Amino acid sequence: MIAVLGVDGGNTKTDYLLHDKDGRLLAHVRAGTCSHEAIGMEAARSEMGARLGELLQMAGLRQSDVVAAAFGLAGVDQREQQAALSDVVRGLGYAQSVVTNDSFLGLKAGSESGVGVCSINGTGTAAGGIDKHGKWMQIGGLGAPSLDNAGGSYIAAQVNCAVYGEIYQFTDKTALTPLLLSLYRCDREGFHTAMSIQFQTERTVTPRELIHALFTACDQSDLIALSIIHSVADALARSAAGCAVRLDFDPVIPVVLIGSVWTKGRYAPMIDAFRAQFDALSGKQAEIHILDVPPAAGSVLWALENALGKVPGRDVRERVFSETRGL
């Protein structure tokens, strides 16, 4: 039996997968985070070792049966962190492995060639790219030091601020106001109390609801809402284009959109604004792909690419997707 190992280690959960060379799922274990930033490096080593042992036992395989592995791990944001976690993975017995930030898994899953740029727009935001030489780069994900003015948390805050500003601070009128008053179940004078409860006591309205309200206001041609959308698209495009110009790509670049705001929102005007700014800044043409499979599939495909010495064919990719969609 020849098997490959894929690991998608996020900040809250980790998926460990074993697949055969044809893409069939052999075993799957879901566990808590293995992020060194959350639990420390030694605990991360111990956690991954224990869960990988369970995975092999479940499949009835030995470690020597695993010919290649790909680990996409939260907290691999610097070369030093990548080197340290690569040492951890090799110490666990997986010498033929690649270790990167978990955001790159979406790119491997969403781009058929395995190269391109990914734009992450979820709770937070970042961009990453992998070129045809295997060189990779990550931009953003730093918060204040960079122009990371996107992500669900940021967008939700901007929506709240727009309404708070209209009611209390003489900013322009916006169609967001009646939408948010309905969401928070309050009148104009009660909005201050609603905000206090939202930020100091408990969240009563989710970022997803606020983002949906933003899209609704945009569809009403509200200038405040449209300005938020365009500023978010601009920030995302700047990070993605920053990867594109520093790596080696053909004139048309696969650009994979991942994260809940991109994949669940799928708001066409924001995507169009992102595409236009990306093309203008990079001097390339974005070929947009919205990820519709779990990023964990990208870890399996990356491991298969290393095992086979080439990008897996379409039939293998589709089998990996069908085997992982239900995770």
Protein backbone atom coordinates (compact mmCIF):
# COMPACT_ATOMS: atom_id res chain seq x y z
CA MET A 1 0.00 0.00 0.00
CA ILE A 2 1.31 3.43 -0.98
CA ALA A 3 -0.30 6.22 1.00
CA VAL A 4 0.01 9.97 1.29
CA LEU A 5 -0.75 12.11 4.32
CA GLY A 6 -2.53 15.47 4.32
CA VAL A 7 -2.90 17.67 7.39
CA ASP A 8 -4.99 20.83 7.63
CA GLY A 9 -4.20 22.35 11.01
CA GLY A 10 -6.23 25.46 11.78
CA ASN A 11 -6.65 27.55 14.90
CA THR A 12 -9.65 25.56 16.13
CA LYS A 13 -9.50 22.12 14.52
CA THR A 14 -7.18 19.84 12.59
CA ASP A 15 -8.00 17.30 9.88
CA TYR A 16 -5.58 14.40 9.36
CA LEU A 17 -6.15 12.39 6.16
CA LEU A 18 -4.61 9.32 4.56
CA HIS A 19 -5.30 8.68 0.87
CA ASP A 20 -3.98 6.13 -1.60
CA LYS A 21 -2.19 7.08 -4.81
CA ASP A 22 -5.52 7.13 -6.69
CA GLY A 23 -7.03 9.66 -4.28
CA ARG A 24 -9.19 7.28 -2.25
CA LEU A 25 -9.66 8.15 1.42
CA LEU A 26 -8.15 5.50 3.72
CA ALA A 27 -8.63 7.15 7.11
CA HIS A 28 -9.61 10.48 8.62
CA VAL A 29 -9.17 11.89 12.11
CA ARG A 30 -10.52 15.25 13.23
CA ALA A 31 -9.10 16.72 16.42
CA GLY A 32 -8.45 20.03 18.11
CA THR A 33 -5.88 22.59 17.13
CA CYS A 34 -2.22 21.67 16.78
CA SER A 35 -1.15 25.30 16.33
CA HIS A 36 2.07 26.09 18.16
CA GLU A 37 0.75 29.62 18.69
CA ALA A 38 -2.20 28.23 20.64
CA ILE A 39 -0.64 25.36 22.61
CA GLY A 40 3.15 25.75 22.31
CA MET A 41 5.69 23.92 20.16
CA GLU A 42 6.17 20.86 22.38
CA ALA A 43 2.44 20.39 22.83
CA ALA A 44 2.00 20.74 19.07
CA ARG A 45 4.59 17.99 18.53
CA SER A 46 2.86 15.74 21.03
CA GLU A 47 -0.63 16.42 19.65
CA MET A 48 0.33 15.74 16.04
CA GLY A 49 2.24 12.60 16.99
CA ALA A 50 -0.71 11.17 18.92
CA ARG A 51 -3.27 11.91 16.23
CA LEU A 52 -1.06 10.59 13.43
CA GLY A 53 -0.62 7.38 15.40
CA GLU A 54 -4.40 7.04 15.61
CA LEU A 55 -4.72 7.70 11.90
CA LEU A 56 -2.22 5.01 10.90
CA GLN A 57 -3.81 2.50 13.26
CA MET A 58 -7.24 3.25 11.82
CA ALA A 59 -5.97 2.56 8.29
CA GLY A 60 -3.95 -0.49 9.33
CA LEU A 61 -0.77 1.09 7.96
CA ARG A 62 2.77 1.70 9.15
CA GLN A 63 4.58 5.01 8.99
CA SER A 64 6.84 3.59 6.30
CA ASP A 65 3.78 3.21 4.04
CA VAL A 66 3.43 7.00 3.86
CA VAL A 67 5.57 8.15 0.93
CA ALA A 68 4.78 11.88 1.07
CA ALA A 69 3.02 14.34 3.36
CA ALA A 70 1.79 17.93 3.26
CA PHE A 71 1.13 19.90 6.43
CA GLY A 72 -0.81 23.16 6.17
CA LEU A 73 -0.54 24.65 9.64
CA ALA A 74 -1.80 27.84 11.22
CA GLY A 75 1.06 29.92 12.57
CA VAL A 76 3.50 29.27 9.73
CA ASP A 77 3.81 32.97 8.95
CA GLN A 78 7.60 33.36 8.88
CA ARG A 79 10.51 31.38 7.47
CA GLU A 80 11.73 30.72 11.02
CA GLN A 81 8.37 29.22 11.99
CA GLN A 82 8.35 27.08 8.85
CA ALA A 83 11.84 25.79 9.64
CA ALA A 84 10.92 24.98 13.24
CA LEU A 85 7.73 23.14 12.30
CA SER A 86 9.49 21.32 9.47
CA ASP A 87 11.89 20.02 12.10
CA VAL A 88 8.94 18.87 14.19
CA VAL A 89 7.39 17.03 11.23
CA ARG A 90 10.68 15.36 10.29
CA GLY A 91 11.13 14.40 13.93
CA LEU A 92 7.77 12.63 13.79
CA GLY A 93 9.14 10.49 10.95
CA TYR A 94 7.82 12.28 7.86
CA ALA A 95 10.98 13.27 6.02
CA GLN A 96 9.29 13.56 2.60
CA SER A 97 7.01 16.42 3.57
CA VAL A 98 6.15 20.04 2.89
CA VAL A 99 5.13 22.39 5.70
CA THR A 100 3.42 25.72 4.94
CA ASN A 101 0.73 28.01 6.23
CA ASP A 102 -2.73 26.44 6.07
CA SER A 103 -3.94 29.20 3.74
CA PHE A 104 -1.93 27.69 0.85
CA LEU A 105 -4.05 24.53 0.94
CA GLY A 106 -6.95 26.37 -0.65
CA LEU A 107 -4.71 27.31 -3.55
CA LYS A 108 -3.69 23.71 -4.17
CA ALA A 109 -7.33 22.66 -4.04
CA GLY A 110 -8.68 25.51 -6.16
CA SER A 111 -6.07 25.71 -8.93
CA GLU A 112 -5.89 22.72 -11.25
CA SER A 113 -2.25 23.48 -12.05
CA GLY A 114 -1.33 23.78 -8.38
CA VAL A 115 0.05 27.29 -8.91
CA GLY A 116 -1.51 30.72 -8.61
CA VAL A 117 -2.53 33.24 -5.99
CA CYS A 118 -5.05 32.82 -3.20
CA SER A 119 -7.00 35.59 -1.52
CA ILE A 120 -8.28 34.73 1.93
CA ASN A 121 -11.32 36.66 3.12
CA GLY A 122 -12.72 34.93 6.17
CA THR A 123 -12.66 36.10 9.78
CA GLY A 124 -9.33 37.68 8.88
CA THR A 125 -7.46 38.12 5.63
CA ALA A 126 -4.18 37.35 3.89
CA ALA A 127 -2.90 36.44 0.45
CA GLY A 128 -0.53 33.74 -0.72
CA GLY A 129 1.03 32.63 -3.97
CA ILE A 130 2.89 29.61 -5.35
CA ASP A 131 4.56 29.92 -8.73
CA LYS A 132 5.61 27.32 -11.31
CA HIS A 133 9.03 26.97 -9.67
CA GLY A 134 7.47 26.10 -6.31
CA LYS A 135 8.46 29.44 -4.77
CA TRP A 136 5.84 30.74 -2.39
CA MET A 137 5.01 34.01 -0.67
CA GLN A 138 2.51 35.21 1.89
CA ILE A 139 1.41 38.84 2.25
CA GLY A 140 -0.87 40.20 4.94
CA GLY A 141 -2.29 38.45 7.95
CA LEU A 142 -0.43 40.90 10.20
CA GLY A 143 -3.25 43.24 11.14
CA ALA A 144 -2.26 46.81 11.97
CA PRO A 145 1.23 46.89 10.37
CA SER A 146 -0.26 46.10 6.96
CA LEU A 147 -3.27 47.19 4.90
CA ASP A 148 -5.37 44.18 6.00
CA ASN A 149 -8.59 46.17 5.77
CA ALA A 150 -10.81 43.20 5.02
CA GLY A 151 -12.08 40.00 6.61
CA GLY A 152 -15.40 39.38 8.29
CA SER A 153 -14.49 41.04 11.59
CA TYR A 154 -13.27 44.21 9.89
CA ILE A 155 -16.26 44.42 7.55
CA ALA A 156 -18.73 43.92 10.39
CA ALA A 157 -17.06 46.72 12.37
CA GLN A 158 -17.25 49.09 9.39
CA VAL A 159 -20.96 48.37 8.97
CA ASN A 160 -21.64 49.08 12.64
CA CYS A 161 -19.55 52.27 12.48
CA ALA A 162 -21.44 53.56 9.45
CA VAL A 163 -24.77 53.34 11.29
CA TYR A 164 -23.39 54.64 14.58
CA GLY A 165 -21.89 57.58 12.72
CA GLU A 166 -25.16 58.48 11.00
CA ILE A 167 -27.19 58.34 14.21
CA TYR A 168 -24.80 60.04 16.61
CA GLN A 169 -21.90 61.71 14.79
CA PHE A 170 -23.34 63.57 11.77
CA THR A 171 -21.93 61.26 9.07
CA ASP A 172 -23.85 60.62 5.86
CA LYS A 173 -27.19 58.88 5.80
CA THR A 174 -27.01 55.22 4.78
CA ALA A 175 -29.44 52.45 3.84
CA LEU A 176 -27.57 50.32 6.37
CA THR A 177 -29.32 52.08 9.24
CA PRO A 178 -32.84 50.59 8.91
CA LEU A 179 -31.29 47.21 8.13
CA LEU A 180 -29.24 47.21 11.33
CA LEU A 181 -32.02 48.60 13.49
CA SER A 182 -34.05 45.60 12.36
CA LEU A 183 -31.18 43.20 13.09
CA TYR A 184 -30.57 44.63 16.56
CA ARG A 185 -34.31 44.99 17.23
CA CYS A 186 -34.01 48.54 18.47
CA ASP A 187 -34.90 52.09 17.47
CA ARG A 188 -32.42 54.85 16.64
CA GLU A 189 -32.00 55.98 20.25
CA GLY A 190 -31.50 52.40 21.38
CA PHE A 191 -28.63 51.73 18.99
CA HIS A 192 -25.99 52.93 21.47
CA THR A 193 -27.21 50.36 24.00
CA ALA A 194 -27.28 47.68 21.32
CA MET A 195 -23.63 48.43 20.47
CA SER A 196 -22.65 48.32 24.11
CA ILE A 197 -24.24 44.90 24.49
CA GLN A 198 -22.64 43.69 21.23
CA PHE A 199 -19.08 44.62 22.18
CA GLN A 200 -18.99 44.49 25.97
CA THR A 201 -21.40 41.80 27.07
CA GLU A 202 -22.35 39.37 24.33
CA ARG A 203 -22.62 39.25 20.55
CA THR A 204 -26.24 39.50 19.48
CA VAL A 205 -25.73 39.89 15.72
CA THR A 206 -23.21 37.80 13.80
CA PRO A 207 -20.68 39.16 11.30
CA ARG A 208 -22.41 37.10 8.60
CA GLU A 209 -25.69 38.93 9.25
CA LEU A 210 -23.94 42.29 9.12
CA ILE A 211 -22.16 41.41 5.87
CA HIS A 212 -25.45 40.29 4.35
CA ALA A 213 -26.93 43.66 5.34
CA LEU A 214 -23.98 45.35 3.62
CA PHE A 215 -24.63 43.45 0.38
CA THR A 216 -28.33 44.33 0.59
CA ALA A 217 -27.51 48.03 0.97
CA CYS A 218 -25.09 47.83 -1.97
CA ASP A 219 -27.88 46.39 -4.10
CA GLN A 220 -29.85 49.55 -3.20
CA SER A 221 -26.94 51.64 -4.58
CA ASP A 222 -26.15 53.01 -1.12
CA LEU A 223 -22.94 55.06 -1.41
CA ILE A 224 -21.68 54.29 2.10
CA ALA A 225 -22.13 50.55 1.62
CA LEU A 226 -20.51 50.69 -1.81
CA SER A 227 -17.52 52.55 -0.39
CA ILE A 228 -17.00 49.79 2.19
CA ILE A 229 -17.21 47.11 -0.50
CA HIS A 230 -14.72 48.90 -2.75
CA SER A 231 -12.25 49.57 0.07
CA VAL A 232 -12.34 45.89 1.08
CA ALA A 233 -11.88 44.73 -2.52
CA ASP A 234 -9.00 47.19 -2.91
CA ALA A 235 -7.19 45.92 0.21
CA LEU A 236 -7.60 42.29 -0.84
CA ALA A 237 -6.43 43.02 -4.39
CA ARG A 238 -3.34 44.86 -3.17
CA SER A 239 -2.16 41.88 -1.11
CA ALA A 240 -2.94 39.37 -3.86
CA ALA A 241 -1.23 41.50 -6.53
CA GLY A 242 1.73 41.94 -4.19
CA CYS A 243 2.23 38.17 -4.38
CA ALA A 244 1.69 38.10 -8.14
CA VAL A 245 4.43 40.61 -8.99
CA ARG A 246 7.01 38.97 -6.70
CA LEU A 247 6.56 35.49 -8.13
CA ASP A 248 6.90 34.09 -11.66
CA PHE A 249 3.53 33.69 -13.37
CA ASP A 250 2.19 33.54 -16.90
CA PRO A 251 0.02 36.46 -18.12
CA VAL A 252 -3.15 34.72 -16.88
CA ILE A 253 -3.00 33.77 -13.19
CA PRO A 254 -5.39 31.40 -11.39
CA VAL A 255 -6.67 33.37 -8.40
CA VAL A 256 -8.47 31.25 -5.82
CA LEU A 257 -10.88 32.96 -3.43
CA ILE A 258 -11.13 31.23 -0.07
CA GLY A 259 -12.61 32.06 3.32
CA SER A 260 -16.25 32.43 4.30
CA VAL A 261 -16.78 36.01 3.03
CA TRP A 262 -15.61 35.00 -0.45
CA THR A 263 -17.04 31.48 -0.62
CA LYS A 264 -20.35 31.92 1.22
CA GLY A 265 -20.97 35.55 0.33
CA ARG A 266 -20.01 35.23 -3.36
CA TYR A 267 -20.96 38.88 -3.87
CA ALA A 268 -20.36 39.57 -7.56
CA PRO A 269 -19.74 43.35 -7.33
CA MET A 270 -17.00 42.83 -4.72
CA ILE A 271 -15.41 40.09 -6.82
CA ASP A 272 -15.54 42.30 -9.92
CA ALA A 273 -13.92 45.21 -8.05
CA PHE A 274 -11.23 42.88 -6.71
CA ARG A 275 -10.54 41.48 -10.18
CA ALA A 276 -10.25 44.93 -11.77
CA GLN A 277 -7.82 46.21 -9.15
CA PHE A 278 -5.76 43.01 -9.17
CA ASP A 279 -5.38 43.17 -12.95
CA ALA A 280 -4.45 46.86 -12.85
CA LEU A 281 -1.83 46.47 -10.11
CA SER A 282 -0.27 43.19 -11.24
CA GLY A 283 -0.30 43.77 -14.99
CA LYS A 284 -1.73 40.23 -15.25
CA GLN A 285 -5.20 38.80 -15.78
CA ALA A 286 -6.93 37.05 -12.90
CA GLU A 287 -8.72 33.78 -13.65
CA ILE A 288 -11.07 33.67 -10.66
CA HIS A 289 -11.91 30.39 -8.90
CA ILE A 290 -14.12 30.31 -5.79
CA LEU A 291 -13.18 27.35 -3.62
CA ASP A 292 -16.07 24.90 -3.17
CA VAL A 293 -14.23 22.01 -1.49
CA PRO A 294 -12.60 21.76 1.97
CA PRO A 295 -9.07 23.24 2.05
CA ALA A 296 -7.98 19.91 3.55
CA ALA A 297 -8.30 18.46 0.04
CA GLY A 298 -5.40 20.71 -0.92
CA SER A 299 -3.10 19.02 1.58
CA VAL A 300 -3.83 15.63 0.02
CA LEU A 301 -3.30 16.95 -3.51
CA TRP A 302 -0.01 18.56 -2.49
CA ALA A 303 1.19 15.31 -0.94
CA LEU A 304 0.17 13.42 -4.08
CA GLU A 305 2.02 15.96 -6.23
CA ASN A 306 5.19 15.32 -4.25
CA ALA A 307 4.71 11.55 -4.33
CA LEU A 308 3.98 11.37 -8.05
CA GLY A 309 6.44 14.04 -9.13
CA LYS A 310 3.67 15.86 -11.01
CA VAL A 311 0.33 17.55 -10.44
CA PRO A 312 -2.38 14.87 -10.01
CA GLY A 313 -4.63 14.34 -13.02
CA ARG A 314 -8.23 15.49 -13.15
CA ASP A 315 -9.65 12.07 -12.27
CA VAL A 316 -7.51 11.86 -9.12
CA ARG A 317 -8.41 15.44 -8.16
CA GLU A 318 -12.10 14.73 -8.55
CA ARG A 319 -11.80 11.58 -6.45
CA VAL A 320 -10.05 13.50 -3.66
CA PHE A 321 -12.78 16.14 -3.81
CA SER A 322 -15.60 13.61 -3.66
CA GLU A 323 -13.94 11.83 -0.74
CA THR A 324 -13.41 15.02 1.28
CA ARG A 325 -16.54 17.10 0.59
CA GLY A 326 -18.36 15.56 3.51
CA LEU A 327 -15.70 16.39 6.08
